[in-house]
PDB file of N, CA and C in Angstrom:
ATOM      1  N   MET A   1     255.725 167.337  47.769  1.00  0.00           N
ATOM      2  CA  MET A   1     255.323 166.918  49.092  1.00  0.00           C
ATOM      3  C   MET A   1     256.499 166.252  49.799  1.00  0.00           C
ATOM      4  N   ARG A   2     256.595 166.495  51.086  1.00  0.00           N
ATOM      5  CA  ARG A   2     257.700 165.938  51.864  1.00  0.00           C
ATOM      6  C   ARG A   2     257.429 164.485  52.219  1.00  0.00           C
ATOM      7  N   LYS A   3     258.509 163.697  52.247  1.00  0.00           N
ATOM      8  CA  LYS A   3     258.442 162.310  52.698  1.00  0.00           C
ATOM      9  C   LYS A   3     259.507 162.126  53.758  1.00  0.00           C
ATOM     10  N   LEU A   4     259.149 161.436  54.843  1.00  0.00           N
ATOM     11  CA  LEU A   4     260.077 161.194  55.932  1.00  0.00           C
ATOM     12  C   LEU A   4     260.047 159.709  56.302  1.00  0.00           C
ATOM     13  N   LYS A   5     261.187 159.207  56.790  1.00  0.00           N
ATOM     14  CA  LYS A   5     261.276 157.823  57.238  1.00  0.00           C
ATOM     15  C   LYS A   5     261.355 157.820  58.758  1.00  0.00           C
ATOM     16  N   GLY A   6     260.544 156.980  59.397  1.00  0.00           N
ATOM     17  CA  GLY A   6     260.534 156.941  60.847  1.00  0.00           C
ATOM     18  C   GLY A   6     260.095 155.600  61.383  1.00  0.00           C
ATOM     19  N   THR A   7     259.986 155.524  62.705  1.00  0.00           N
ATOM     20  CA  THR A   7     259.616 154.300  63.407  1.00  0.00           C
ATOM     21  C   THR A   7     258.304 154.508  64.142  1.00  0.00           C
ATOM     22  N   VAL A   8     257.411 153.532  64.034  1.00  0.00           N
ATOM     23  CA  VAL A   8     256.122 153.599  64.725  1.00  0.00           C
ATOM     24  C   VAL A   8     256.369 153.387  66.218  1.00  0.00           C
ATOM     25  N   ILE A   9     255.922 154.353  67.038  1.00  0.00           N
ATOM     26  CA  ILE A   9     256.092 154.219  68.486  1.00  0.00           C
ATOM     27  C   ILE A   9     254.763 154.025  69.212  1.00  0.00           C
ATOM     28  N   SER A  10     253.642 154.260  68.526  1.00  0.00           N
ATOM     29  CA  SER A  10     252.337 154.026  69.138  1.00  0.00           C
ATOM     30  C   SER A  10     251.306 153.761  68.053  1.00  0.00           C
ATOM     31  N   ASN A  11     250.442 152.764  68.298  1.00  0.00           N
ATOM     32  CA  ASN A  11     249.332 152.485  67.387  1.00  0.00           C
ATOM     33  C   ASN A  11     248.043 152.270  68.169  1.00  0.00           C
ATOM     34  N   LYS A  12     247.907 152.927  69.306  1.00  0.00           N
ATOM     35  CA  LYS A  12     246.772 152.721  70.197  1.00  0.00           C
ATOM     36  C   LYS A  12     245.513 153.466  69.760  1.00  0.00           C
ATOM     37  N   MET A  13     245.650 154.453  68.888  1.00  0.00           N
ATOM     38  CA  MET A  13     244.491 155.206  68.430  1.00  0.00           C
ATOM     39  C   MET A  13     243.887 154.547  67.187  1.00  0.00           C
ATOM     40  N   ALA A  14     242.616 154.785  66.960  1.00  0.00           N
ATOM     41  CA  ALA A  14     241.957 154.232  65.787  1.00  0.00           C
ATOM     42  C   ALA A  14     242.407 154.998  64.542  1.00  0.00           C
ATOM     43  N   LYS A  15     242.952 154.286  63.570  1.00  0.00           N
ATOM     44  CA  LYS A  15     243.384 154.837  62.280  1.00  0.00           C
ATOM     45  C   LYS A  15     244.499 155.874  62.390  1.00  0.00           C
ATOM     46  N   THR A  16     245.223 155.885  63.508  1.00  0.00           N
ATOM     47  CA  THR A  16     246.296 156.866  63.696  1.00  0.00           C
ATOM     48  C   THR A  16     247.523 156.193  64.279  1.00  0.00           C
ATOM     49  N   LEU A  17     248.685 156.547  63.752  1.00  0.00           N
ATOM     50  CA  LEU A  17     249.968 156.087  64.273  1.00  0.00           C
ATOM     51  C   LEU A  17     250.758 157.286  64.749  1.00  0.00           C
ATOM     52  N   VAL A  18     251.619 157.074  65.728  1.00  0.00           N
ATOM     53  CA  VAL A  18     252.589 158.086  66.112  1.00  0.00           C
ATOM     54  C   VAL A  18     253.939 157.573  65.607  1.00  0.00           C
ATOM     55  N   VAL A  19     254.579 158.380  64.749  1.00  0.00           N
ATOM     56  CA  VAL A  19     255.834 157.991  64.113  1.00  0.00           C
ATOM     57  C   VAL A  19     256.936 158.934  64.587  1.00  0.00           C
ATOM     58  N   ARG A  20     258.060 158.347  65.086  1.00  0.00           N
ATOM     59  CA  ARG A  20     259.202 159.146  65.521  1.00  0.00           C
ATOM     60  C   ARG A  20     260.219 159.198  64.383  1.00  0.00           C
ATOM     61  N   VAL A  21     260.587 160.431  63.991  1.00  0.00           N
ATOM     62  CA  VAL A  21     261.572 160.640  62.936  1.00  0.00           C
ATOM     63  C   VAL A  21     262.837 161.188  63.589  1.00  0.00           C
ATOM     64  N   ASP A  22     263.968 160.486  63.390  1.00  0.00           N
ATOM     65  CA  ASP A  22     265.256 160.908  63.937  1.00  0.00           C
ATOM     66  C   ASP A  22     266.077 161.585  62.847  1.00  0.00           C
ATOM     67  N   ILE A  23     266.702 162.711  63.203  1.00  0.00           N
ATOM     68  CA  ILE A  23     267.540 163.462  62.271  1.00  0.00           C
ATOM     69  C   ILE A  23     268.880 163.726  62.954  1.00  0.00           C
ATOM     70  N   LEU A  24     269.967 163.527  62.222  1.00  0.00           N
ATOM     71  CA  LEU A  24     271.290 163.849  62.747  1.00  0.00           C
ATOM     72  C   LEU A  24     271.616 165.292  62.392  1.00  0.00           C
ATOM     73  N   LYS A  25     272.010 166.051  63.396  1.00  0.00           N
ATOM     74  CA  LYS A  25     272.426 167.437  63.186  1.00  0.00           C
ATOM     75  C   LYS A  25     273.866 167.584  63.639  1.00  0.00           C
ATOM     76  N   ARG A  26     274.544 168.587  63.127  1.00  0.00           N
ATOM     77  CA  ARG A  26     275.924 168.834  63.507  1.00  0.00           C
ATOM     78  C   ARG A  26     275.991 170.117  64.321  1.00  0.00           C
ATOM     79  N   HIS A  27     276.651 170.063  65.465  1.00  0.00           N
ATOM     80  CA  HIS A  27     276.772 171.226  66.326  1.00  0.00           C
ATOM     81  C   HIS A  27     277.661 172.260  65.638  1.00  0.00           C
ATOM     82  N   PRO A  28     277.230 173.539  65.591  1.00  0.00           N
ATOM     83  CA  PRO A  28     278.001 174.546  64.847  1.00  0.00           C
ATOM     84  C   PRO A  28     279.386 174.836  65.426  1.00  0.00           C
ATOM     85  N   LYS A  29     279.531 174.768  66.733  1.00  0.00           N
ATOM     86  CA  LYS A  29     280.821 175.094  67.335  1.00  0.00           C
ATOM     87  C   LYS A  29     281.708 173.864  67.509  1.00  0.00           C
ATOM     88  N   TYR A  30     281.125 172.780  68.081  1.00  0.00           N
ATOM     89  CA  TYR A  30     281.919 171.615  68.432  1.00  0.00           C
ATOM     90  C   TYR A  30     282.001 170.575  67.306  1.00  0.00           C
ATOM     91  N   LEU A  31     281.206 170.766  66.253  1.00  0.00           N
ATOM     92  CA  LEU A  31     281.225 169.915  65.059  1.00  0.00           C
ATOM     93  C   LEU A  31     280.918 168.447  65.350  1.00  0.00           C
ATOM     94  N   LYS A  32     280.249 168.183  66.450  1.00  0.00           N
ATOM     95  CA  LYS A  32     279.865 166.828  66.802  1.00  0.00           C
ATOM     96  C   LYS A  32     278.416 166.601  66.363  1.00  0.00           C
ATOM     97  N   PHE A  33     278.126 165.397  65.900  1.00  0.00           N
ATOM     98  CA  PHE A  33     276.774 165.070  65.497  1.00  0.00           C
ATOM     99  C   PHE A  33     275.935 164.690  66.711  1.00  0.00           C
ATOM    100  N   TYR A  34     274.672 165.112  66.695  1.00  0.00           N
ATOM    101  CA  TYR A  34     273.735 164.727  67.743  1.00  0.00           C
ATOM    102  C   TYR A  34     272.382 164.442  67.110  1.00  0.00           C
ATOM    103  N   ARG A  35     271.616 163.611  67.792  1.00  0.00           N
ATOM    104  CA  ARG A  35     270.342 163.147  67.254  1.00  0.00           C
ATOM    105  C   ARG A  35     269.199 164.007  67.776  1.00  0.00           C
ATOM    106  N   VAL A  36     268.332 164.441  66.866  1.00  0.00           N
ATOM    107  CA  VAL A  36     267.132 165.185  67.207  1.00  0.00           C
ATOM    108  C   VAL A  36     265.951 164.365  66.698  1.00  0.00           C
ATOM    109  N   SER A  37     264.953 164.149  67.546  1.00  0.00           N
ATOM    110  CA  SER A  37     263.795 163.373  67.113  1.00  0.00           C
ATOM    111  C   SER A  37     262.529 164.219  67.251  1.00  0.00           C
ATOM    112  N   LYS A  38     261.577 163.925  66.377  1.00  0.00           N
ATOM    113  CA  LYS A  38     260.302 164.620  66.384  1.00  0.00           C
ATOM    114  C   LYS A  38     259.207 163.597  66.117  1.00  0.00           C
ATOM    115  N   LYS A  39     258.046 163.782  66.763  1.00  0.00           N
ATOM    116  CA  LYS A  39     256.945 162.850  66.603  1.00  0.00           C
ATOM    117  C   LYS A  39     255.876 163.443  65.688  1.00  0.00           C
ATOM    118  N   PHE A  40     255.370 162.613  64.791  1.00  0.00           N
ATOM    119  CA  PHE A  40     254.312 163.011  63.867  1.00  0.00           C
ATOM    120  C   PHE A  40     253.168 162.020  64.000  1.00  0.00           C
ATOM    121  N   LYS A  41     251.925 162.523  63.905  1.00  0.00           N
ATOM    122  CA  LYS A  41     250.760 161.652  63.859  1.00  0.00           C
ATOM    123  C   LYS A  41     250.429 161.406  62.395  1.00  0.00           C
ATOM    124  N   ALA A  42     250.313 160.132  62.033  1.00  0.00           N
ATOM    125  CA  ALA A  42     250.079 159.760  60.641  1.00  0.00           C
ATOM    126  C   ALA A  42     248.819 158.913  60.522  1.00  0.00           C
ATOM    127  N   HIS A  43     248.128 159.054  59.401  1.00  0.00           N
ATOM    128  CA  HIS A  43     246.883 158.338  59.148  1.00  0.00           C
ATOM    129  C   HIS A  43     247.176 156.928  58.639  1.00  0.00           C
ATOM    130  N   ASP A  44     246.528 155.931  59.253  1.00  0.00           N
ATOM    131  CA  ASP A  44     246.651 154.524  58.867  1.00  0.00           C
ATOM    132  C   ASP A  44     245.237 153.971  58.754  1.00  0.00           C
ATOM    133  N   GLU A  45     244.696 153.952  57.543  1.00  0.00           N
ATOM    134  CA  GLU A  45     243.299 153.595  57.322  1.00  0.00           C
ATOM    135  C   GLU A  45     242.969 152.173  57.761  1.00  0.00           C
ATOM    136  N   LYS A  46     243.839 151.214  57.455  1.00  0.00           N
ATOM    137  CA  LYS A  46     243.530 149.812  57.719  1.00  0.00           C
ATOM    138  C   LYS A  46     244.019 149.325  59.076  1.00  0.00           C
ATOM    139  N   GLY A  47     244.873 150.055  59.738  1.00  0.00           N
ATOM    140  CA  GLY A  47     245.400 149.639  61.033  1.00  0.00           C
ATOM    141  C   GLY A  47     246.351 148.461  60.926  1.00  0.00           C
ATOM    142  N   GLU A  48     247.179 148.438  59.884  1.00  0.00           N
ATOM    143  CA  GLU A  48     248.030 147.277  59.612  1.00  0.00           C
ATOM    144  C   GLU A  48     249.453 147.397  60.149  1.00  0.00           C
ATOM    145  N   TYR A  49     249.833 148.525  60.724  1.00  0.00           N
ATOM    146  CA  TYR A  49     251.211 148.721  61.176  1.00  0.00           C
ATOM    147  C   TYR A  49     251.310 148.528  62.680  1.00  0.00           C
ATOM    148  N   ARG A  50     252.472 148.004  63.134  1.00  0.00           N
ATOM    149  CA  ARG A  50     252.681 147.703  64.540  1.00  0.00           C
ATOM    150  C   ARG A  50     253.809 148.553  65.102  1.00  0.00           C
ATOM    151  N   ILE A  51     253.935 148.551  66.418  1.00  0.00           N
ATOM    152  CA  ILE A  51     255.008 149.284  67.087  1.00  0.00           C
ATOM    153  C   ILE A  51     256.344 148.687  66.663  1.00  0.00           C
ATOM    154  N   GLY A  52     257.284 149.553  66.305  1.00  0.00           N
ATOM    155  CA  GLY A  52     258.612 149.127  65.891  1.00  0.00           C
ATOM    156  C   GLY A  52     258.805 149.048  64.394  1.00  0.00           C
ATOM    157  N   ASP A  53     257.734 149.107  63.609  1.00  0.00           N
ATOM    158  CA  ASP A  53     257.856 149.060  62.150  1.00  0.00           C
ATOM    159  C   ASP A  53     258.499 150.344  61.639  1.00  0.00           C
ATOM    160  N   ASP A  54     259.358 150.215  60.635  1.00  0.00           N
ATOM    161  CA  ASP A  54     259.915 151.381  59.951  1.00  0.00           C
ATOM    162  C   ASP A  54     259.014 151.694  58.762  1.00  0.00           C
ATOM    163  N   VAL A  55     258.546 152.934  58.689  1.00  0.00           N
ATOM    164  CA  VAL A  55     257.609 153.334  57.640  1.00  0.00           C
ATOM    165  C   VAL A  55     258.056 154.643  56.996  1.00  0.00           C
ATOM    166  N   ILE A  56     257.508 154.904  55.811  1.00  0.00           N
ATOM    167  CA  ILE A  56     257.691 156.188  55.147  1.00  0.00           C
ATOM    168  C   ILE A  56     256.360 156.910  55.218  1.00  0.00           C
ATOM    169  N   ILE A  57     256.387 158.156  55.716  1.00  0.00           N
ATOM    170  CA  ILE A  57     255.167 158.956  55.805  1.00  0.00           C
ATOM    171  C   ILE A  57     255.259 160.109  54.819  1.00  0.00           C
ATOM    172  N   MET A  58     254.095 160.558  54.353  1.00  0.00           N
ATOM    173  CA  MET A  58     254.036 161.612  53.354  1.00  0.00           C
ATOM    174  C   MET A  58     253.113 162.725  53.837  1.00  0.00           C
ATOM    175  N   GLU A  59     253.503 163.948  53.592  1.00  0.00           N
ATOM    176  CA  GLU A  59     252.693 165.104  53.977  1.00  0.00           C
ATOM    177  C   GLU A  59     251.427 165.136  53.130  1.00  0.00           C
ATOM    178  N   THR A  60     250.300 165.480  53.753  1.00  0.00           N
ATOM    179  CA  THR A  60     249.028 165.505  53.050  1.00  0.00           C
ATOM    180  C   THR A  60     248.151 166.628  53.612  1.00  0.00           C
ATOM    181  N   ARG A  61     246.940 166.727  53.122  1.00  0.00           N
ATOM    182  CA  ARG A  61     246.021 167.746  53.624  1.00  0.00           C
ATOM    183  C   ARG A  61     245.690 167.453  55.082  1.00  0.00           C
ATOM    184  N   PRO A  62     245.207 168.436  55.840  1.00  0.00           N
ATOM    185  CA  PRO A  62     244.836 168.171  57.237  1.00  0.00           C
ATOM    186  C   PRO A  62     243.692 167.159  57.330  1.00  0.00           C
ATOM    187  N   ILE A  63     243.916 166.110  58.093  1.00  0.00           N
ATOM    188  CA  ILE A  63     242.907 165.071  58.283  1.00  0.00           C
ATOM    189  C   ILE A  63     242.163 165.302  59.592  1.00  0.00           C
ATOM    190  N   SER A  64     242.873 165.775  60.608  1.00  0.00           N
ATOM    191  CA  SER A  64     242.261 166.143  61.888  1.00  0.00           C
ATOM    192  C   SER A  64     243.089 167.284  62.472  1.00  0.00           C
ATOM    193  N   ARG A  65     242.864 167.581  63.747  1.00  0.00           N
ATOM    194  CA  ARG A  65     243.565 168.714  64.357  1.00  0.00           C
ATOM    195  C   ARG A  65     245.080 168.531  64.328  1.00  0.00           C
ATOM    196  N   ASP A  66     245.544 167.320  64.590  1.00  0.00           N
ATOM    197  CA  ASP A  66     246.983 167.062  64.660  1.00  0.00           C
ATOM    198  C   ASP A  66     247.535 166.288  63.469  1.00  0.00           C
ATOM    199  N   LYS A  67     246.692 165.595  62.723  1.00  0.00           N
ATOM    200  CA  LYS A  67     247.178 164.726  61.646  1.00  0.00           C
ATOM    201  C   LYS A  67     247.349 165.498  60.341  1.00  0.00           C
ATOM    202  N   ARG A  68     248.609 165.540  59.858  1.00  0.00           N
ATOM    203  CA  ARG A  68     248.919 166.164  58.583  1.00  0.00           C
ATOM    204  C   ARG A  68     249.742 165.223  57.708  1.00  0.00           C
ATOM    205  N   TRP A  69     249.864 163.973  58.131  1.00  0.00           N
ATOM    206  CA  TRP A  69     250.700 162.992  57.446  1.00  0.00           C
ATOM    207  C   TRP A  69     249.906 161.714  57.250  1.00  0.00           C
ATOM    208  N   ARG A  70     250.294 160.918  56.237  1.00  0.00           N
ATOM    209  CA  ARG A  70     249.718 159.591  56.061  1.00  0.00           C
ATOM    210  C   ARG A  70     250.831 158.613  55.733  1.00  0.00           C
ATOM    211  N   VAL A  71     250.613 157.350  56.084  1.00  0.00           N
ATOM    212  CA  VAL A  71     251.630 156.326  55.854  1.00  0.00           C
ATOM    213  C   VAL A  71     251.629 155.971  54.373  1.00  0.00           C
ATOM    214  N   LEU A  72     252.809 156.028  53.768  1.00  0.00           N
ATOM    215  CA  LEU A  72     252.942 155.737  52.347  1.00  0.00           C
ATOM    216  C   LEU A  72     253.295 154.274  52.123  1.00  0.00           C
ATOM    217  N   GLU A  73     254.319 153.773  52.835  1.00  0.00           N
ATOM    218  CA  GLU A  73     254.702 152.380  52.660  1.00  0.00           C
ATOM    219  C   GLU A  73     255.491 151.869  53.860  1.00  0.00           C
ATOM    220  N   LEU A  74     255.573 150.554  53.944  1.00  0.00           N
ATOM    221  CA  LEU A  74     256.322 149.867  54.989  1.00  0.00           C
ATOM    222  C   LEU A  74     257.739 149.619  54.483  1.00  0.00           C
ATOM    223  N   VAL A  75     258.745 149.974  55.295  1.00  0.00           N
ATOM    224  CA  VAL A  75     260.131 149.744  54.921  1.00  0.00           C
ATOM    225  C   VAL A  75     260.617 148.430  55.523  1.00  0.00           C
ATOM    226  N   LYS A  76     260.391 148.254  56.837  1.00  0.00           N
ATOM    227  CA  LYS A  76     260.852 147.042  57.520  1.00  0.00           C
ATOM    228  C   LYS A  76     259.861 146.669  58.609  1.00  0.00           C
ATOM    229  N   ARG A  77     259.473 145.402  58.625  1.00  0.00           N
ATOM    230  CA  ARG A  77     258.537 144.888  59.613  1.00  0.00           C
ATOM    231  C   ARG A  77     259.304 144.411  60.845  1.00  0.00           C
ATOM    232  N   THR A  78     258.758 144.661  62.030  1.00  0.00           N
ATOM    233  CA  THR A  78     259.342 144.183  63.266  1.00  0.00           C
ATOM    234  C   THR A  78     259.083 142.691  63.401  1.00  0.00           C
ATOM    235  N   ALA A  79     260.044 141.962  63.937  1.00  0.00           N
ATOM    236  CA  ALA A  79     259.868 140.527  64.144  1.00  0.00           C
ATOM    237  C   ALA A  79     258.789 140.275  65.187  1.00  0.00           C
ATOM    238  N   GLU A  80     258.056 139.196  65.007  1.00  0.00           N
ATOM    239  CA  GLU A  80     257.006 138.825  65.959  1.00  0.00           C
ATOM    240  C   GLU A  80     257.629 138.455  67.299  1.00  0.00           C
ATOM    241  N   ILE A  81     257.047 138.904  68.373  1.00  0.00           N
ATOM    242  CA  ILE A  81     257.499 138.559  69.720  1.00  0.00           C
ATOM    243  C   ILE A  81     256.537 137.518  70.276  1.00  0.00           C
ATOM    244  N   GLU A  82     257.075 136.334  70.531  1.00  0.00           N
ATOM    245  CA  GLU A  82     256.233 135.268  71.059  1.00  0.00           C
ATOM    246  C   GLU A  82     256.266 135.303  72.584  1.00  0.00           C
ATOM    247  N   GLU A  83     255.088 135.246  73.180  1.00  0.00           N
ATOM    248  CA  GLU A  83     254.997 135.257  74.634  1.00  0.00           C
ATOM    249  C   GLU A  83     255.058 133.829  75.150  1.00  0.00           C
ATOM    250  N   GLU A  84     255.830 133.629  76.227  1.00  0.00           N
ATOM    251  CA  GLU A  84     255.915 132.307  76.832  1.00  0.00           C
ATOM    252  C   GLU A  84     254.704 132.085  77.723  1.00  0.00           C
ATOM    253  N   PRO A  85     254.154 130.864  77.711  1.00  0.00           N
ATOM    254  CA  PRO A  85     253.004 130.603  78.594  1.00  0.00           C
ATOM    255  C   PRO A  85     253.415 130.667  80.059  1.00  0.00           C
ATOM    256  N   ALA A  86     252.532 131.169  80.883  1.00  0.00           N
ATOM    257  CA  ALA A  86     252.828 131.287  82.317  1.00  0.00           C
ATOM    258  C   ALA A  86     252.836 129.906  82.965  1.00  0.00           C
ATOM    259  N   ILE A  87     253.858 129.659  83.777  1.00  0.00           N
ATOM    260  CA  ILE A  87     253.972 128.377  84.467  1.00  0.00           C
ATOM    261  C   ILE A  87     253.474 128.565  85.899  1.00  0.00           C
ATOM    262  N   GLU A  88     252.491 127.745  86.258  1.00  0.00           N
ATOM    263  CA  GLU A  88     251.930 127.848  87.596  1.00  0.00           C
ATOM    264  C   GLU A  88     252.622 126.857  88.517  1.00  0.00           C
ATOM    265  N   ASN A  89     252.902 127.296  89.737  1.00  0.00           N
ATOM    266  CA  ASN A  89     253.493 126.406  90.731  1.00  0.00           C
ATOM    267  C   ASN A  89     252.377 125.616  91.405  1.00  0.00           C
ATOM    268  N   ALA A  90     252.427 124.288  91.246  1.00  0.00           N
ATOM    269  CA  ALA A  90     251.371 123.461  91.828  1.00  0.00           C
ATOM    270  C   ALA A  90     251.889 122.536  92.892  1.00  0.00           C
TER     271      ALA A  90
END
């Protein structure tokens, strides 16, 4: 089974993440590297992953029309972003 490493770019669906996987390719003529990215929908049963997390996804049986992957493990957690309280002009 294939395993890919990517970044969570959306977690707005119930039990589903959208993971972007970036791959470096080399141009055949100019020999320069360029980045190609592809998005995969992955199953997240508990809903524990956030946007920006680096995860490893694994190929699995079809879960829905678009979901063919599930999250295997967390590689790196995104730092918490603290929101500043709004200051009202009085």
